PDB file of N, CA and C in Angstrom:
ATOM      1  N   UNK A   1     -26.769 -20.898 -19.043  1.00  0.00           N
ATOM      2  CA  UNK A   1     -25.466 -20.299 -19.681  1.00  0.00           C
ATOM      3  C   UNK A   1     -26.058 -19.439 -20.821  1.00  0.00           C
ATOM      4  N   UNK A   2     -25.601 -18.111 -20.831  1.00  0.00           N
ATOM      5  CA  UNK A   2     -26.060 -17.233 -21.907  1.00  0.00           C
ATOM      6  C   UNK A   2     -25.815 -17.788 -23.156  1.00  0.00           C
ATOM      7  N   UNK A   3     -26.608 -17.276 -24.399  1.00  0.00           N
ATOM      8  CA  UNK A   3     -26.533 -17.853 -25.628  1.00  0.00           C
ATOM      9  C   UNK A   3     -25.139 -17.483 -26.266  1.00  0.00           C
ATOM     10  N   UNK A   4     -24.532 -16.419 -25.949  1.00  0.00           N
ATOM     11  CA  UNK A   4     -23.223 -15.949 -26.387  1.00  0.00           C
ATOM     12  C   UNK A   4     -22.135 -16.640 -26.061  1.00  0.00           C
ATOM     13  N   UNK A   5     -22.296 -17.460 -24.959  1.00  0.00           N
ATOM     14  CA  UNK A   5     -21.156 -18.245 -24.429  1.00  0.00           C
ATOM     15  C   UNK A   5     -21.168 -19.704 -24.728  1.00  0.00           C
ATOM     16  N   UNK A   6     -22.385 -20.120 -25.007  1.00  0.00           N
ATOM     17  CA  UNK A   6     -22.515 -21.521 -25.299  1.00  0.00           C
ATOM     18  C   UNK A   6     -21.966 -21.881 -26.617  1.00  0.00           C
ATOM     19  N   UNK A   7     -21.395 -23.242 -26.755  1.00  0.00           N
ATOM     20  CA  UNK A   7     -20.721 -23.597 -27.975  1.00  0.00           C
ATOM     21  C   UNK A   7     -22.119 -23.718 -28.937  1.00  0.00           C
ATOM     22  N   UNK A   8     -21.977 -23.529 -30.131  1.00  0.00           N
ATOM     23  CA  UNK A   8     -23.125 -23.386 -31.054  1.00  0.00           C
ATOM     24  C   UNK A   8     -22.620 -24.062 -32.417  1.00  0.00           C
ATOM     25  N   UNK A   9     -23.767 -24.419 -33.141  1.00  0.00           N
ATOM     26  CA  UNK A   9     -23.710 -24.970 -34.357  1.00  0.00           C
ATOM     27  C   UNK A   9     -24.687 -24.305 -35.445  1.00  0.00           C
ATOM     28  N   UNK A  10     -24.066 -23.959 -36.507  1.00  0.00           N
ATOM     29  CA  UNK A  10     -24.997 -23.318 -37.644  1.00  0.00           C
ATOM     30  C   UNK A  10     -25.963 -24.316 -38.128  1.00  0.00           C
ATOM     31  N   UNK A  11     -27.452 -24.028 -38.236  1.00  0.00           N
ATOM     32  CA  UNK A  11     -28.394 -25.119 -38.696  1.00  0.00           C
ATOM     33  C   UNK A  11     -29.004 -24.140 -39.796  1.00  0.00           C
ATOM     34  N   UNK A  12     -29.330 -24.873 -40.922  1.00  0.00           N
ATOM     35  CA  UNK A  12     -30.327 -24.132 -42.002  1.00  0.00           C
ATOM     36  C   UNK A  12     -31.558 -24.849 -41.718  1.00  0.00           C
ATOM     37  N   UNK A  13     -32.618 -23.823 -42.061  1.00  0.00           N
ATOM     38  CA  UNK A  13     -33.971 -24.365 -41.738  1.00  0.00           C
ATOM     39  C   UNK A  13     -34.810 -23.628 -42.446  1.00  0.00           C
ATOM     40  N   UNK A  14     -35.706 -24.417 -43.186  1.00  0.00           N
ATOM     41  CA  UNK A  14     -36.821 -23.684 -44.017  1.00  0.00           C
ATOM     42  C   UNK A  14     -37.994 -23.408 -43.201  1.00  0.00           C
ATOM     43  N   UNK A  15     -38.532 -22.186 -43.002  1.00  0.00           N
ATOM     44  CA  UNK A  15     -39.380 -21.608 -42.192  1.00  0.00           C
ATOM     45  C   UNK A  15     -40.472 -20.978 -43.185  1.00  0.00           C
ATOM     46  N   UNK A  16     -41.753 -21.382 -43.028  1.00  0.00           N
ATOM     47  CA  UNK A  16     -42.857 -20.624 -43.609  1.00  0.00           C
ATOM     48  C   UNK A  16     -42.701 -19.108 -43.393  1.00  0.00           C
ATOM     49  N   UNK A  17     -42.911 -18.445 -44.549  1.00  0.00           N
ATOM     50  CA  UNK A  17     -42.778 -17.054 -44.447  1.00  0.00           C
ATOM     51  C   UNK A  17     -43.596 -16.253 -43.238  1.00  0.00           C
ATOM     52  N   UNK A  18     -44.877 -16.797 -43.119  1.00  0.00           N
ATOM     53  CA  UNK A  18     -45.663 -16.090 -41.944  1.00  0.00           C
ATOM     54  C   UNK A  18     -45.084 -16.327 -40.657  1.00  0.00           C
ATOM     55  N   UNK A  19     -44.369 -17.453 -40.307  1.00  0.00           N
ATOM     56  CA  UNK A  19     -43.832 -17.784 -39.315  1.00  0.00           C
ATOM     57  C   UNK A  19     -42.680 -16.883 -39.053  1.00  0.00           C
ATOM     58  N   UNK A  20     -41.777 -16.713 -40.040  1.00  0.00           N
ATOM     59  CA  UNK A  20     -40.676 -15.953 -39.902  1.00  0.00           C
ATOM     60  C   UNK A  20     -41.023 -14.452 -39.643  1.00  0.00           C
ATOM     61  N   UNK A  21     -42.252 -13.976 -40.341  1.00  0.00           N
ATOM     62  CA  UNK A  21     -42.696 -12.725 -40.047  1.00  0.00           C
ATOM     63  C   UNK A  21     -42.981 -12.392 -38.685  1.00  0.00           C
ATOM     64  N   UNK A  22     -43.562 -13.605 -38.038  1.00  0.00           N
ATOM     65  CA  UNK A  22     -43.942 -13.194 -36.541  1.00  0.00           C
ATOM     66  C   UNK A  22     -42.842 -13.205 -35.668  1.00  0.00           C
ATOM     67  N   UNK A  23     -41.793 -14.062 -36.019  1.00  0.00           N
ATOM     68  CA  UNK A  23     -40.618 -14.102 -35.281  1.00  0.00           C
ATOM     69  C   UNK A  23     -39.865 -12.750 -35.415  1.00  0.00           C
ATOM     70  N   UNK A  24     -39.873 -12.208 -36.613  1.00  0.00           N
ATOM     71  CA  UNK A  24     -39.175 -10.902 -36.822  1.00  0.00           C
ATOM     72  C   UNK A  24     -39.921  -9.849 -36.046  1.00  0.00           C
ATOM     73  N   UNK A  25     -41.305  -9.846 -35.959  1.00  0.00           N
ATOM     74  CA  UNK A  25     -42.059  -8.749 -35.220  1.00  0.00           C
ATOM     75  C   UNK A  25     -41.734  -8.896 -33.683  1.00  0.00           C
ATOM     76  N   UNK A  26     -41.528 -10.132 -33.247  1.00  0.00           N
ATOM     77  CA  UNK A  26     -41.186 -10.198 -31.769  1.00  0.00           C
ATOM     78  C   UNK A  26     -39.877  -9.879 -31.542  1.00  0.00           C
ATOM     79  N   UNK A  27     -38.809 -10.147 -32.544  1.00  0.00           N
ATOM     80  CA  UNK A  27     -37.452  -9.780 -32.474  1.00  0.00           C
ATOM     81  C   UNK A  27     -37.385  -8.174 -32.228  1.00  0.00           C
ATOM     82  N   UNK A  28     -38.062  -7.591 -33.169  1.00  0.00           N
ATOM     83  CA  UNK A  28     -38.143  -6.000 -33.277  1.00  0.00           C
ATOM     84  C   UNK A  28     -38.673  -5.593 -32.029  1.00  0.00           C
ATOM     85  N   UNK A  29     -39.881  -6.119 -31.498  1.00  0.00           N
ATOM     86  CA  UNK A  29     -40.380  -5.585 -30.359  1.00  0.00           C
ATOM     87  C   UNK A  29     -39.521  -5.764 -29.034  1.00  0.00           C
ATOM     88  N   UNK A  30     -38.605  -6.713 -29.050  1.00  0.00           N
ATOM     89  CA  UNK A  30     -37.990  -6.893 -28.045  1.00  0.00           C
ATOM     90  C   UNK A  30     -36.303  -6.361 -28.214  1.00  0.00           C
ATOM     91  N   UNK A  31     -36.184  -5.866 -29.331  1.00  0.00           N
ATOM     92  CA  UNK A  31     -34.868  -5.328 -29.826  1.00  0.00           C
ATOM     93  C   UNK A  31     -33.933  -6.465 -29.555  1.00  0.00           C
ATOM     94  N   UNK A  32     -34.109  -7.591 -30.172  1.00  0.00           N
ATOM     95  CA  UNK A  32     -33.404  -8.804 -29.927  1.00  0.00           C
ATOM     96  C   UNK A  32     -32.980  -9.446 -31.464  1.00  0.00           C
ATOM     97  N   UNK A  33     -32.076 -10.198 -31.650  1.00  0.00           N
ATOM     98  CA  UNK A  33     -31.943 -10.887 -32.874  1.00  0.00           C
ATOM     99  C   UNK A  33     -32.944 -11.885 -33.202  1.00  0.00           C
ATOM    100  N   UNK A  34     -33.300 -12.053 -34.381  1.00  0.00           N
ATOM    101  CA  UNK A  34     -33.953 -13.195 -34.667  1.00  0.00           C
ATOM    102  C   UNK A  34     -33.723 -14.597 -34.068  1.00  0.00           C
ATOM    103  N   UNK A  35     -32.415 -14.825 -34.240  1.00  0.00           N
ATOM    104  CA  UNK A  35     -31.853 -16.194 -33.632  1.00  0.00           C
ATOM    105  C   UNK A  35     -32.211 -16.295 -32.177  1.00  0.00           C
ATOM    106  N   UNK A  36     -32.098 -15.042 -31.339  1.00  0.00           N
ATOM    107  CA  UNK A  36     -32.628 -15.144 -29.973  1.00  0.00           C
ATOM    108  C   UNK A  36     -34.042 -15.642 -29.763  1.00  0.00           C
ATOM    109  N   UNK A  37     -34.755 -15.079 -30.569  1.00  0.00           N
ATOM    110  CA  UNK A  37     -36.372 -15.382 -30.467  1.00  0.00           C
ATOM    111  C   UNK A  37     -36.468 -16.943 -30.938  1.00  0.00           C
ATOM    112  N   UNK A  38     -35.747 -17.476 -31.846  1.00  0.00           N
ATOM    113  CA  UNK A  38     -35.942 -18.770 -32.271  1.00  0.00           C
ATOM    114  C   UNK A  38     -35.463 -19.592 -31.277  1.00  0.00           C
ATOM    115  N   UNK A  39     -34.227 -19.528 -30.611  1.00  0.00           N
ATOM    116  CA  UNK A  39     -33.729 -20.430 -29.585  1.00  0.00           C
ATOM    117  C   UNK A  39     -34.677 -20.425 -28.431  1.00  0.00           C
ATOM    118  N   UNK A  40     -35.131 -19.261 -28.165  1.00  0.00           N
ATOM    119  CA  UNK A  40     -36.174 -19.239 -26.928  1.00  0.00           C
ATOM    120  C   UNK A  40     -37.344 -20.173 -27.163  1.00  0.00           C
ATOM    121  N   UNK A  41     -37.851 -20.083 -28.387  1.00  0.00           N
ATOM    122  CA  UNK A  41     -38.910 -20.960 -28.855  1.00  0.00           C
ATOM    123  C   UNK A  41     -38.594 -22.435 -28.791  1.00  0.00           C
ATOM    124  N   UNK A  42     -37.418 -22.619 -29.386  1.00  0.00           N
ATOM    125  CA  UNK A  42     -36.966 -24.031 -29.505  1.00  0.00           C
ATOM    126  C   UNK A  42     -36.784 -24.743 -27.867  1.00  0.00           C
ATOM    127  N   UNK A  43     -36.256 -23.761 -27.261  1.00  0.00           N
ATOM    128  CA  UNK A  43     -35.957 -24.358 -25.718  1.00  0.00           C
ATOM    129  C   UNK A  43     -37.303 -24.441 -25.026  1.00  0.00           C
ATOM    130  N   UNK A  44     -38.309 -23.637 -25.111  1.00  0.00           N
ATOM    131  CA  UNK A  44     -39.649 -23.757 -24.634  1.00  0.00           C
ATOM    132  C   UNK A  44     -40.262 -25.167 -25.161  1.00  0.00           C
ATOM    133  N   UNK A  45     -40.202 -25.375 -26.534  1.00  0.00           N
ATOM    134  CA  UNK A  45     -40.808 -26.497 -27.066  1.00  0.00           C
ATOM    135  C   UNK A  45     -40.100 -27.836 -26.484  1.00  0.00           C
ATOM    136  N   UNK A  46     -38.761 -27.791 -26.323  1.00  0.00           N
ATOM    137  CA  UNK A  46     -38.045 -28.891 -25.867  1.00  0.00           C
ATOM    138  C   UNK A  46     -38.356 -29.301 -24.156  1.00  0.00           C
ATOM    139  N   UNK A  47     -38.815 -28.135 -23.656  1.00  0.00           N
ATOM    140  CA  UNK A  47     -38.939 -28.404 -22.168  1.00  0.00           C
ATOM    141  C   UNK A  47     -40.542 -28.823 -22.033  1.00  0.00           C
ATOM    142  N   UNK A  48     -41.187 -28.798 -22.909  1.00  0.00           N
ATOM    143  CA  UNK A  48     -42.574 -29.323 -22.768  1.00  0.00           C
ATOM    144  C   UNK A  48     -43.009 -30.461 -23.694  1.00  0.00           C
ATOM    145  N   UNK A  49     -43.272 -30.172 -25.057  1.00  0.00           N
ATOM    146  CA  UNK A  49     -43.668 -31.368 -25.925  1.00  0.00           C
ATOM    147  C   UNK A  49     -42.492 -32.335 -26.099  1.00  0.00           C
ATOM    148  N   UNK A  50     -41.304 -31.598 -26.374  1.00  0.00           N
ATOM    149  CA  UNK A  50     -40.020 -32.498 -26.515  1.00  0.00           C
ATOM    150  C   UNK A  50     -39.873 -33.294 -25.275  1.00  0.00           C
ATOM    151  N   UNK A  51     -39.938 -32.805 -24.226  1.00  0.00           N
ATOM    152  CA  UNK A  51     -39.812 -33.688 -22.929  1.00  0.00           C
ATOM    153  C   UNK A  51     -40.834 -34.742 -22.962  1.00  0.00           C
ATOM    154  N   UNK A  52     -42.163 -34.583 -23.228  1.00  0.00           N
ATOM    155  CA  UNK A  52     -43.112 -35.593 -23.119  1.00  0.00           C
ATOM    156  C   UNK A  52     -42.623 -36.623 -24.293  1.00  0.00           C
ATOM    157  N   UNK A  53     -42.202 -36.255 -25.350  1.00  0.00           N
ATOM    158  CA  UNK A  53     -41.800 -37.285 -26.428  1.00  0.00           C
ATOM    159  C   UNK A  53     -40.749 -38.255 -25.754  1.00  0.00           C
ATOM    160  N   UNK A  54     -39.585 -37.683 -25.252  1.00  0.00           N
ATOM    161  CA  UNK A  54     -38.687 -38.465 -24.610  1.00  0.00           C
ATOM    162  C   UNK A  54     -39.118 -39.311 -23.392  1.00  0.00           C
ATOM    163  N   UNK A  55     -40.039 -38.825 -22.657  1.00  0.00           N
ATOM    164  CA  UNK A  55     -40.760 -39.516 -21.721  1.00  0.00           C
ATOM    165  C   UNK A  55     -41.549 -40.575 -22.091  1.00  0.00           C
ATOM    166  N   UNK A  56     -42.213 -40.322 -23.353  1.00  0.00           N
ATOM    167  CA  UNK A  56     -43.097 -41.651 -23.829  1.00  0.00           C
ATOM    168  C   UNK A  56     -42.103 -42.602 -24.386  1.00  0.00           C
ATOM    169  N   UNK A  57     -41.033 -42.226 -25.153  1.00  0.00           N
ATOM    170  CA  UNK A  57     -39.977 -43.045 -25.805  1.00  0.00           C
ATOM    171  C   UNK A  57     -39.388 -44.064 -24.608  1.00  0.00           C
ATOM    172  N   UNK A  58     -39.110 -43.289 -23.369  1.00  0.00           N
ATOM    173  CA  UNK A  58     -38.472 -44.119 -22.329  1.00  0.00           C
ATOM    174  C   UNK A  58     -39.396 -45.029 -21.680  1.00  0.00           C
ATOM    175  N   UNK A  59     -40.629 -44.639 -21.779  1.00  0.00           N
ATOM    176  CA  UNK A  59     -41.820 -45.532 -20.920  1.00  0.00           C
ATOM    177  C   UNK A  59     -41.971 -46.729 -21.927  1.00  0.00           C
ATOM    178  N   UNK A  60     -41.848 -46.583 -23.385  1.00  0.00           N
ATOM    179  CA  UNK A  60     -42.207 -47.676 -24.131  1.00  0.00           C
ATOM    180  C   UNK A  60     -40.799 -48.650 -24.164  1.00  0.00           C
ATOM    181  N   UNK A  61     -39.711 -48.123 -23.898  1.00  0.00           N
ATOM    182  CA  UNK A  61     -38.465 -49.057 -23.937  1.00  0.00           C
ATOM    183  C   UNK A  61     -38.570 -49.686 -22.568  1.00  0.00           C
ATOM    184  N   UNK A  62     -39.119 -49.068 -21.495  1.00  0.00           N
ATOM    185  CA  UNK A  62     -39.316 -49.966 -20.154  1.00  0.00           C
ATOM    186  C   UNK A  62     -40.209 -51.017 -20.440  1.00  0.00           C
ATOM    187  N   UNK A  63     -41.381 -50.753 -21.195  1.00  0.00           N
ATOM    188  CA  UNK A  63     -42.387 -51.843 -21.573  1.00  0.00           C
ATOM    189  C   UNK A  63     -41.723 -52.957 -22.220  1.00  0.00           C
ATOM    190  N   UNK A  64     -40.944 -52.561 -23.251  1.00  0.00           N
ATOM    191  CA  UNK A  64     -40.336 -53.706 -23.975  1.00  0.00           C
ATOM    192  C   UNK A  64     -39.341 -54.600 -23.230  1.00  0.00           C
ATOM    193  N   UNK A  65     -38.786 -53.922 -22.213  1.00  0.00           N
ATOM    194  CA  UNK A  65     -37.584 -54.533 -21.299  1.00  0.00           C
ATOM    195  C   UNK A  65     -38.506 -55.556 -20.340  1.00  0.00           C
ATOM    196  N   UNK A  66     -39.857 -55.446 -20.372  1.00  0.00           N
ATOM    197  CA  UNK A  66     -40.636 -55.877 -19.272  1.00  0.00           C
ATOM    198  C   UNK A  66     -40.783 -55.428 -18.004  1.00  0.00           C
ATOM    199  N   UNK A  67     -40.570 -54.193 -17.994  1.00  0.00           N
ATOM    200  CA  UNK A  67     -40.560 -53.387 -16.656  1.00  0.00           C
ATOM    201  C   UNK A  67     -41.810 -52.802 -16.380  1.00  0.00           C
ATOM    202  N   UNK A  68     -42.701 -52.985 -17.062  1.00  0.00           N
ATOM    203  CA  UNK A  68     -44.069 -52.430 -16.720  1.00  0.00           C
ATOM    204  C   UNK A  68     -44.859 -53.237 -15.603  1.00  0.00           C
ATOM    205  N   UNK A  69     -45.909 -52.753 -15.184  1.00  0.00           N
ATOM    206  CA  UNK A  69     -46.646 -53.112 -14.137  1.00  0.00           C
ATOM    207  C   UNK A  69     -47.987 -53.858 -14.765  1.00  0.00           C
ATOM    208  N   UNK A  70     -48.244 -55.191 -14.458  1.00  0.00           N
ATOM    209  CA  UNK A  70     -49.342 -55.801 -15.144  1.00  0.00           C
ATOM    210  C   UNK A  70     -50.700 -55.034 -14.896  1.00  0.00           C
ATOM    211  N   UNK A  71     -51.606 -54.909 -15.927  1.00  0.00           N
ATOM    212  CA  UNK A  71     -52.804 -54.160 -15.743  1.00  0.00           C
ATOM    213  C   UNK A  71     -53.670 -54.626 -14.618  1.00  0.00           C
ATOM    214  N   UNK A  72     -53.669 -55.940 -14.370  1.00  0.00           N
ATOM    215  CA  UNK A  72     -54.512 -56.439 -13.416  1.00  0.00           C
ATOM    216  C   UNK A  72     -53.870 -55.830 -12.011  1.00  0.00           C
ATOM    217  N   UNK A  73     -52.635 -55.806 -11.813  1.00  0.00           N
ATOM    218  CA  UNK A  73     -52.116 -55.339 -10.619  1.00  0.00           C
ATOM    219  C   UNK A  73     -52.780 -53.870 -10.314  1.00  0.00           C
ATOM    220  N   UNK A  74     -52.687 -53.001 -11.401  1.00  0.00           N
ATOM    221  CA  UNK A  74     -52.914 -51.625 -11.384  1.00  0.00           C
ATOM    222  C   UNK A  74     -54.450 -51.590 -11.011  1.00  0.00           C
ATOM    223  N   UNK A  75     -55.298 -52.293 -11.614  1.00  0.00           N
ATOM    224  CA  UNK A  75     -56.707 -52.468 -11.278  1.00  0.00           C
ATOM    225  C   UNK A  75     -57.075 -52.724 -10.040  1.00  0.00           C
ATOM    226  N   UNK A  76     -56.237 -53.783  -9.347  1.00  0.00           N
ATOM    227  CA  UNK A  76     -56.397 -54.147  -7.952  1.00  0.00           C
ATOM    228  C   UNK A  76     -56.209 -53.000  -7.056  1.00  0.00           C
ATOM    229  N   UNK A  77     -54.889 -52.454  -7.328  1.00  0.00           N
ATOM    230  CA  UNK A  77     -54.561 -51.141  -6.554  1.00  0.00           C
ATOM    231  C   UNK A  77     -55.738 -50.004  -6.650  1.00  0.00           C
ATOM    232  N   UNK A  78     -56.317 -49.870  -7.627  1.00  0.00           N
ATOM    233  CA  UNK A  78     -57.153 -48.776  -8.001  1.00  0.00           C
ATOM    234  C   UNK A  78     -58.705 -49.189  -7.059  1.00  0.00           C
ATOM    235  N   UNK A  79     -58.995 -50.385  -7.245  1.00  0.00           N
ATOM    236  CA  UNK A  79     -59.984 -50.845  -6.241  1.00  0.00           C
ATOM    237  C   UNK A  79     -59.694 -50.814  -4.942  1.00  0.00           C
ATOM    238  N   UNK A  80     -58.480 -50.886  -4.298  1.00  0.00           N
ATOM    239  CA  UNK A  80     -58.213 -50.823  -2.913  1.00  0.00           C
ATOM    240  C   UNK A  80     -58.443 -49.342  -2.600  1.00  0.00           C
ATOM    241  N   UNK A  81     -57.896 -48.584  -3.392  1.00  0.00           N
ATOM    242  CA  UNK A  81     -57.987 -47.043  -3.166  1.00  0.00           C
ATOM    243  C   UNK A  81     -59.301 -46.656  -3.179  1.00  0.00           C
ATOM    244  N   UNK A  82     -60.198 -47.141  -4.035  1.00  0.00           N
ATOM    245  CA  UNK A  82     -61.584 -46.754  -4.059  1.00  0.00           C
ATOM    246  C   UNK A  82     -62.345 -47.282  -2.913  1.00  0.00           C
ATOM    247  N   UNK A  83     -62.036 -48.512  -2.570  1.00  0.00           N
ATOM    248  CA  UNK A  83     -62.639 -49.108  -1.459  1.00  0.00           C
ATOM    249  C   UNK A  83     -62.173 -48.325  -0.058  1.00  0.00           C
ATOM    250  N   UNK A  84     -61.316 -47.929  -0.023  1.00  0.00           N
ATOM    251  CA  UNK A  84     -60.672 -47.382   0.993  1.00  0.00           C
ATOM    252  C   UNK A  84     -61.283 -45.830   1.198  1.00  0.00           C
ATOM    253  N   UNK A  85     -61.294 -45.138   0.098  1.00  0.00           N
ATOM    254  CA  UNK A  85     -62.168 -44.027   0.164  1.00  0.00           C
ATOM    255  C   UNK A  85     -63.632 -44.090   0.399  1.00  0.00           C
ATOM    256  N   UNK A  86     -64.250 -45.267  -0.013  1.00  0.00           N
ATOM    257  CA  UNK A  86     -65.687 -45.356   0.310  1.00  0.00           C
ATOM    258  C   UNK A  86     -65.927 -45.695   1.827  1.00  0.00           C
ATOM    259  N   UNK A  87     -64.814 -46.372   2.404  1.00  0.00           N
ATOM    260  CA  UNK A  87     -64.815 -46.624   3.601  1.00  0.00           C
ATOM    261  C   UNK A  87     -64.718 -45.395   4.571  1.00  0.00           C
ATOM    262  N   UNK A  88     -64.038 -44.676   4.162  1.00  0.00           N
ATOM    263  CA  UNK A  88     -63.751 -43.380   4.794  1.00  0.00           C
ATOM    264  C   UNK A  88     -64.937 -42.371   4.816  1.00  0.00           C
ATOM    265  N   UNK A  89     -65.492 -42.358   3.660  1.00  0.00           N
ATOM    266  CA  UNK A  89     -66.759 -41.644   3.545  1.00  0.00           C
ATOM    267  C   UNK A  89     -67.905 -42.259   4.275  1.00  0.00           C
ATOM    268  N   UNK A  90     -67.914 -43.647   4.411  1.00  0.00           N
ATOM    269  CA  UNK A  90     -69.124 -43.972   5.062  1.00  0.00           C
ATOM    270  C   UNK A  90     -68.907 -43.821   6.904  1.00  0.00           C
ATOM    271  N   UNK A  91     -67.809 -43.720   7.184  1.00  0.00           N
ATOM    272  CA  UNK A  91     -67.462 -43.354   8.524  1.00  0.00           C
ATOM    273  C   UNK A  91     -67.835 -41.910   8.876  1.00  0.00           C
ATOM    274  N   UNK A  92     -67.771 -41.103   7.910  1.00  0.00           N
ATOM    275  CA  UNK A  92     -68.061 -39.636   8.183  1.00  0.00           C
ATOM    276  C   UNK A  92     -69.520 -39.323   8.161  1.00  0.00           C
ATOM    277  N   UNK A  93     -70.303 -40.198   7.661  1.00  0.00           N
ATOM    278  CA  UNK A  93     -71.865 -40.097   7.611  1.00  0.00           C
ATOM    279  C   UNK A  93     -72.246 -40.236   8.792  1.00  0.00           C
TER     280      UNK A  93
END
């Protein structure tokens, strides 16, 4: 959805001067408003680091609910995978 059509809310934010200078340089180079550059930066953050934070929080909540896999089970599965790979490699020789 384009920025000018999406519902929006005004937010006040203190930004270091040097960061705002960079944003303004990019906005000028692209002939876009400062807010457009800032929204793109926020969206990029939310898709990468922000998504990782949410994923970690959800994973921890699963563990708290007892939905994790016991470490011994994971190690056993890893051993099986390694053994299968070793056996496959031995047959190729």
